[in-house]
All heavy atoms as atom14 arrays in JSON, in Angstrom:
{
  "sequence": "GKLYVKRFDPKVLADEMNAVYLKCFDDNSF",
  "atom14_mask": [
    [1, 1, 1, 1, 0, 0, 0, 0, 0, 0, 0, 0, 0, 0],
    [1, 1, 1, 1, 1, 1, 1, 1, 1, 0, 0, 0, 0, 0],
    [1, 1, 1, 1, 1, 1, 1, 1, 0, 0, 0, 0, 0, 0],
    [1, 1, 1, 1, 1, 1, 1, 1, 1, 1, 1, 1, 0, 0],
    [1, 1, 1, 1, 1, 1, 1, 0, 0, 0, 0, 0, 0, 0],
    [1, 1, 1, 1, 1, 1, 1, 1, 1, 0, 0, 0, 0, 0],
    [1, 1, 1, 1, 1, 1, 1, 1, 1, 1, 1, 0, 0, 0],
    [1, 1, 1, 1, 1, 1, 1, 1, 1, 1, 1, 0, 0, 0],
    [1, 1, 1, 1, 1, 1, 1, 1, 0, 0, 0, 0, 0, 0],
    [1, 1, 1, 1, 1, 1, 1, 0, 0, 0, 0, 0, 0, 0],
    [1, 1, 1, 1, 1, 1, 1, 1, 1, 0, 0, 0, 0, 0],
    [1, 1, 1, 1, 1, 1, 1, 0, 0, 0, 0, 0, 0, 0],
    [1, 1, 1, 1, 1, 1, 1, 1, 0, 0, 0, 0, 0, 0],
    [1, 1, 1, 1, 1, 0, 0, 0, 0, 0, 0, 0, 0, 0],
    [1, 1, 1, 1, 1, 1, 1, 1, 0, 0, 0, 0, 0, 0],
    [1, 1, 1, 1, 1, 1, 1, 1, 1, 0, 0, 0, 0, 0],
    [1, 1, 1, 1, 1, 1, 1, 1, 0, 0, 0, 0, 0, 0],
    [1, 1, 1, 1, 1, 1, 1, 1, 0, 0, 0, 0, 0, 0],
    [1, 1, 1, 1, 1, 0, 0, 0, 0, 0, 0, 0, 0, 0],
    [1, 1, 1, 1, 1, 1, 1, 0, 0, 0, 0, 0, 0, 0],
    [1, 1, 1, 1, 1, 1, 1, 1, 1, 1, 1, 1, 0, 0],
    [1, 1, 1, 1, 1, 1, 1, 1, 0, 0, 0, 0, 0, 0],
    [1, 1, 1, 1, 1, 1, 1, 1, 1, 0, 0, 0, 0, 0],
    [1, 1, 1, 1, 1, 1, 0, 0, 0, 0, 0, 0, 0, 0],
    [1, 1, 1, 1, 1, 1, 1, 1, 1, 1, 1, 0, 0, 0],
    [1, 1, 1, 1, 1, 1, 1, 1, 0, 0, 0, 0, 0, 0],
    [1, 1, 1, 1, 1, 1, 1, 1, 0, 0, 0, 0, 0, 0],
    [1, 1, 1, 1, 1, 1, 1, 1, 0, 0, 0, 0, 0, 0],
    [1, 1, 1, 1, 1, 1, 0, 0, 0, 0, 0, 0, 0, 0],
    [1, 1, 1, 1, 1, 1, 1, 1, 1, 1, 1, 0, 0, 0]
  ],
  "atom14_positions": [
    [[103.58, -8.49, 162.63], [103.14, -7.65, 161.52], [104.16, -7.59, 160.41], [103.82, -7.65, 159.22], [0.0, 0.0, 0.0], [0.0, 0.0, 0.0], [0.0, 0.0, 0.0], [0.0, 0.0, 0.0], [0.0, 0.0, 0.0], [0.0, 0.0, 0.0], [0.0, 0.0, 0.0], [0.0, 0.0, 0.0], [0.0, 0.0, 0.0], [0.0, 0.0, 0.0]],
    [[105.42, -7.47, 160.77], [106.48, -7.42, 159.76], [106.6, -8.74, 159.0], [106.92, -8.76, 157.81], [107.8, -7.05, 160.41], [107.88, -5.58, 160.84], [109.25, -5.21, 161.36], [109.34, -3.72, 161.65], [110.68, -3.32, 162.15], [0.0, 0.0, 0.0], [0.0, 0.0, 0.0], [0.0, 0.0, 0.0], [0.0, 0.0, 0.0], [0.0, 0.0, 0.0]],
    [[106.34, -9.83, 159.7], [106.33, -11.13, 159.02], [105.13, -11.24, 158.08], [105.25, -11.75, 156.95], [106.29, -12.26, 160.05], [107.56, -12.51, 160.86], [107.31, -13.58, 161.92], [108.71, -12.93, 159.96], [0.0, 0.0, 0.0], [0.0, 0.0, 0.0], [0.0, 0.0, 0.0], [0.0, 0.0, 0.0], [0.0, 0.0, 0.0], [0.0, 0.0, 0.0]],
    [[103.99, -10.76, 158.54], [102.76, -10.89, 157.76], [102.84, -10.11, 156.44], [102.36, -10.6, 155.41], [101.57, -10.4, 158.58], [100.24, -10.6, 157.89], [99.64, -11.86, 157.85], [99.58, -9.54, 157.27], [98.43, -12.06, 157.21], [98.37, -9.73, 156.63], [97.8, -10.99, 156.6], [96.61, -11.18, 155.96], [0.0, 0.0, 0.0], [0.0, 0.0, 0.0]],
    [[103.43, -8.92, 156.46], [103.42, -8.1, 155.24], [104.34, -8.64, 154.15], [104.32, -8.14, 153.02], [103.78, -6.62, 155.53], [102.71, -5.96, 156.35], [105.14, -6.5, 156.2], [0.0, 0.0, 0.0], [0.0, 0.0, 0.0], [0.0, 0.0, 0.0], [0.0, 0.0, 0.0], [0.0, 0.0, 0.0], [0.0, 0.0, 0.0], [0.0, 0.0, 0.0]],
    [[105.1, -9.67, 154.46], [105.95, -10.26, 153.42], [105.11, -10.84, 152.29], [105.58, -10.96, 151.16], [106.85, -11.34, 154.02], [107.97, -10.78, 154.89], [108.88, -11.89, 155.41], [110.01, -11.31, 156.24], [110.91, -12.38, 156.76], [0.0, 0.0, 0.0], [0.0, 0.0, 0.0], [0.0, 0.0, 0.0], [0.0, 0.0, 0.0], [0.0, 0.0, 0.0]],
    [[103.86, -11.22, 152.6], [103.0, -11.76, 151.55], [102.6, -10.69, 150.55], [102.06, -10.99, 149.49], [101.75, -12.39, 152.16], [100.77, -11.42, 152.78], [99.67, -12.15, 153.53], [100.25, -13.0, 154.55], [99.65, -14.08, 155.07], [98.44, -14.42, 154.65], [100.23, -14.79, 156.0], [0.0, 0.0, 0.0], [0.0, 0.0, 0.0], [0.0, 0.0, 0.0]],
    [[102.84, -9.41, 150.89], [102.54, -8.31, 149.97], [103.81, -7.79, 149.3], [103.84, -6.67, 148.78], [101.85, -7.18, 150.73], [100.65, -7.64, 151.51], [100.62, -7.54, 152.89], [99.55, -8.19, 150.88], [99.53, -7.96, 153.62], [98.45, -8.63, 151.6], [98.43, -8.52, 152.98], [0.0, 0.0, 0.0], [0.0, 0.0, 0.0], [0.0, 0.0, 0.0]],
    [[104.86, -8.6, 149.31], [106.12, -8.24, 148.66], [105.88, -8.04, 147.16], [105.17, -8.83, 146.53], [107.15, -9.35, 148.88], [108.47, -9.05, 148.21], [109.26, -8.29, 148.78], [108.7, -9.57, 147.1], [0.0, 0.0, 0.0], [0.0, 0.0, 0.0], [0.0, 0.0, 0.0], [0.0, 0.0, 0.0], [0.0, 0.0, 0.0], [0.0, 0.0, 0.0]],
    [[106.46, -6.99, 146.58], [106.21, -6.71, 145.15], [106.53, -7.88, 144.23], [105.8, -8.12, 143.26], [107.13, -5.52, 144.88], [107.25, -4.82, 146.19], [107.24, -5.92, 147.21], [0.0, 0.0, 0.0], [0.0, 0.0, 0.0], [0.0, 0.0, 0.0], [0.0, 0.0, 0.0], [0.0, 0.0, 0.0], [0.0, 0.0, 0.0], [0.0, 0.0, 0.0]],
    [[107.59, -8.63, 144.51], [107.95, -9.76, 143.64], [106.85, -10.82, 143.68], [106.46, -11.38, 142.64], [109.28, -10.37, 144.11], [109.69, -11.63, 143.36], [109.97, -11.34, 141.88], [110.68, -12.49, 141.19], [109.9, -13.74, 141.13], [0.0, 0.0, 0.0], [0.0, 0.0, 0.0], [0.0, 0.0, 0.0], [0.0, 0.0, 0.0], [0.0, 0.0, 0.0]],
    [[106.31, -11.1, 144.85], [105.22, -12.07, 144.98], [104.0, -11.61, 144.2], [103.39, -12.38, 143.44], [104.85, -12.27, 146.47], [103.6, -13.14, 146.6], [106.02, -12.88, 147.23], [0.0, 0.0, 0.0], [0.0, 0.0, 0.0], [0.0, 0.0, 0.0], [0.0, 0.0, 0.0], [0.0, 0.0, 0.0], [0.0, 0.0, 0.0], [0.0, 0.0, 0.0]],
    [[103.65, -10.33, 144.35], [102.47, -9.79, 143.67], [102.67, -9.76, 142.16], [101.73, -10.0, 141.4], [102.15, -8.41, 144.2], [101.89, -8.33, 145.72], [101.53, -6.91, 146.13], [100.79, -9.29, 146.14], [0.0, 0.0, 0.0], [0.0, 0.0, 0.0], [0.0, 0.0, 0.0], [0.0, 0.0, 0.0], [0.0, 0.0, 0.0], [0.0, 0.0, 0.0]],
    [[103.89, -9.45, 141.71], [104.18, -9.44, 140.27], [104.01, -10.83, 139.66], [103.43, -10.98, 138.58], [105.59, -8.92, 140.02], [0.0, 0.0, 0.0], [0.0, 0.0, 0.0], [0.0, 0.0, 0.0], [0.0, 0.0, 0.0], [0.0, 0.0, 0.0], [0.0, 0.0, 0.0], [0.0, 0.0, 0.0], [0.0, 0.0, 0.0], [0.0, 0.0, 0.0]],
    [[104.49, -11.85, 140.37], [104.34, -13.22, 139.88], [102.87, -13.61, 139.8], [102.44, -14.27, 138.85], [105.09, -14.19, 140.8], [106.6, -14.06, 140.68], [107.06, -13.48, 139.69], [107.31, -14.54, 141.58], [0.0, 0.0, 0.0], [0.0, 0.0, 0.0], [0.0, 0.0, 0.0], [0.0, 0.0, 0.0], [0.0, 0.0, 0.0], [0.0, 0.0, 0.0]],
    [[102.09, -13.2, 140.81], [100.66, -13.53, 140.82], [99.93, -12.81, 139.68], [99.06, -13.4, 139.03], [100.05, -13.14, 142.17], [100.55, -14.02, 143.32], [100.0, -13.59, 144.66], [99.31, -12.54, 144.73], [100.25, -14.3, 145.66], [0.0, 0.0, 0.0], [0.0, 0.0, 0.0], [0.0, 0.0, 0.0], [0.0, 0.0, 0.0], [0.0, 0.0, 0.0]],
    [[100.28, -11.55, 139.45], [99.62, -10.82, 138.37], [100.02, -11.37, 137.01], [99.19, -11.48, 136.09], [99.95, -9.33, 138.46], [99.14, -8.46, 137.5], [97.36, -8.48, 137.87], [97.32, -7.34, 139.27], [0.0, 0.0, 0.0], [0.0, 0.0, 0.0], [0.0, 0.0, 0.0], [0.0, 0.0, 0.0], [0.0, 0.0, 0.0], [0.0, 0.0, 0.0]],
    [[101.28, -11.74, 136.86], [101.72, -12.31, 135.59], [100.99, -13.62, 135.3], [100.64, -13.91, 134.15], [103.23, -12.55, 135.62], [103.81, -12.79, 134.24], [103.65, -11.98, 133.33], [104.47, -13.92, 134.07], [0.0, 0.0, 0.0], [0.0, 0.0, 0.0], [0.0, 0.0, 0.0], [0.0, 0.0, 0.0], [0.0, 0.0, 0.0], [0.0, 0.0, 0.0]],
    [[100.72, -14.39, 136.36], [99.95, -15.62, 136.18], [98.54, -15.33, 135.69], [97.98, -16.08, 134.87], [99.91, -16.4, 137.5], [0.0, 0.0, 0.0], [0.0, 0.0, 0.0], [0.0, 0.0, 0.0], [0.0, 0.0, 0.0], [0.0, 0.0, 0.0], [0.0, 0.0, 0.0], [0.0, 0.0, 0.0], [0.0, 0.0, 0.0], [0.0, 0.0, 0.0]],
    [[97.96, -14.23, 136.17], [96.63, -13.82, 135.69], [96.69, -13.49, 134.21], [95.83, -13.91, 133.42], [96.11, -12.6, 136.49], [94.8, -12.1, 135.89], [95.91, -12.97, 137.96], [0.0, 0.0, 0.0], [0.0, 0.0, 0.0], [0.0, 0.0, 0.0], [0.0, 0.0, 0.0], [0.0, 0.0, 0.0], [0.0, 0.0, 0.0], [0.0, 0.0, 0.0]],
    [[97.72, -12.74, 133.81], [97.87, -12.38, 132.4], [97.95, -13.62, 131.52], [97.31, -13.7, 130.46], [99.13, -11.53, 132.21], [99.08, -10.15, 132.84], [100.24, -9.4, 133.01], [97.88, -9.58, 133.26], [100.22, -8.14, 133.56], [97.85, -8.31, 133.83], [99.02, -7.59, 133.98], [98.99, -6.33, 134.54], [0.0, 0.0, 0.0], [0.0, 0.0, 0.0]],
    [[98.73, -14.59, 131.96], [98.91, -15.79, 131.15], [97.62, -16.6, 131.05], [97.39, -17.27, 130.03], [100.04, -16.64, 131.74], [101.44, -16.01, 131.68], [102.47, -16.93, 132.32], [101.83, -15.69, 130.25], [0.0, 0.0, 0.0], [0.0, 0.0, 0.0], [0.0, 0.0, 0.0], [0.0, 0.0, 0.0], [0.0, 0.0, 0.0], [0.0, 0.0, 0.0]],
    [[96.78, -16.55, 132.07], [95.5, -17.26, 132.02], [94.63, -16.75, 130.86], [93.8, -17.49, 130.33], [94.73, -17.08, 133.33], [95.23, -17.91, 134.49], [94.34, -17.69, 135.71], [94.83, -18.47, 136.91], [93.98, -18.25, 138.1], [0.0, 0.0, 0.0], [0.0, 0.0, 0.0], [0.0, 0.0, 0.0], [0.0, 0.0, 0.0], [0.0, 0.0, 0.0]],
    [[94.82, -15.49, 130.49], [94.02, -14.91, 129.4], [94.31, -15.59, 128.07], [93.54, -15.46, 127.12], [94.3, -13.41, 129.28], [93.75, -12.44, 130.7], [0.0, 0.0, 0.0], [0.0, 0.0, 0.0], [0.0, 0.0, 0.0], [0.0, 0.0, 0.0], [0.0, 0.0, 0.0], [0.0, 0.0, 0.0], [0.0, 0.0, 0.0], [0.0, 0.0, 0.0]],
    [[95.44, -16.29, 128.0], [95.84, -16.91, 126.74], [95.87, -18.43, 126.86], [96.47, -19.11, 126.04], [97.23, -16.41, 126.32], [97.29, -14.93, 126.09], [97.69, -14.08, 127.12], [96.94, -14.37, 124.88], [97.74, -12.7, 126.92], [96.98, -13.0, 124.67], [97.39, -12.16, 125.7], [0.0, 0.0, 0.0], [0.0, 0.0, 0.0], [0.0, 0.0, 0.0]],
    [[95.2, -18.96, 127.86], [95.24, -20.4, 128.09], [94.77, -21.21, 126.89], [95.27, -22.29, 126.62], [94.38, -20.77, 129.31], [95.15, -20.6, 130.61], [96.37, -20.37, 130.54], [94.53, -20.7, 131.69], [0.0, 0.0, 0.0], [0.0, 0.0, 0.0], [0.0, 0.0, 0.0], [0.0, 0.0, 0.0], [0.0, 0.0, 0.0], [0.0, 0.0, 0.0]],
    [[93.78, -20.66, 126.15], [93.25, -21.43, 125.01], [94.04, -21.21, 123.74], [93.76, -21.8, 122.7], [91.78, -21.09, 124.77], [91.57, -19.61, 124.42], [92.58, -18.88, 124.31], [90.41, -19.21, 124.29], [0.0, 0.0, 0.0], [0.0, 0.0, 0.0], [0.0, 0.0, 0.0], [0.0, 0.0, 0.0], [0.0, 0.0, 0.0], [0.0, 0.0, 0.0]],
    [[95.07, -20.31, 123.81], [95.96, -20.02, 122.68], [95.22, -19.48, 121.46], [95.75, -19.46, 120.36], [96.73, -21.28, 122.25], [97.67, -21.76, 123.34], [98.37, -20.96, 123.95], [97.68, -23.05, 123.59], [0.0, 0.0, 0.0], [0.0, 0.0, 0.0], [0.0, 0.0, 0.0], [0.0, 0.0, 0.0], [0.0, 0.0, 0.0], [0.0, 0.0, 0.0]],
    [[93.98, -19.04, 121.66], [93.18, -18.63, 120.51], [93.6, -17.3, 119.93], [93.25, -16.98, 118.81], [91.7, -18.58, 120.9], [91.49, -17.65, 121.93], [0.0, 0.0, 0.0], [0.0, 0.0, 0.0], [0.0, 0.0, 0.0], [0.0, 0.0, 0.0], [0.0, 0.0, 0.0], [0.0, 0.0, 0.0], [0.0, 0.0, 0.0], [0.0, 0.0, 0.0]],
    [[94.38, -16.53, 120.67], [94.76, -15.22, 120.15], [96.27, -15.02, 120.26], [96.75, -13.91, 120.37], [94.04, -14.11, 120.92], [92.6, -14.01, 120.55], [91.65, -14.77, 121.19], [92.19, -13.17, 119.52], [90.32, -14.69, 120.83], [90.85, -13.08, 119.18], [89.92, -13.86, 119.83], [0.0, 0.0, 0.0], [0.0, 0.0, 0.0], [0.0, 0.0, 0.0]]
  ]
}
């Protein structure tokens, strides 16, 4: 269980969310 919850580490989640944010600007239109 302790090994499994590493996938929910804040740094990992922050990187994933930041990638979502950047997808919003993929077309550079704004």
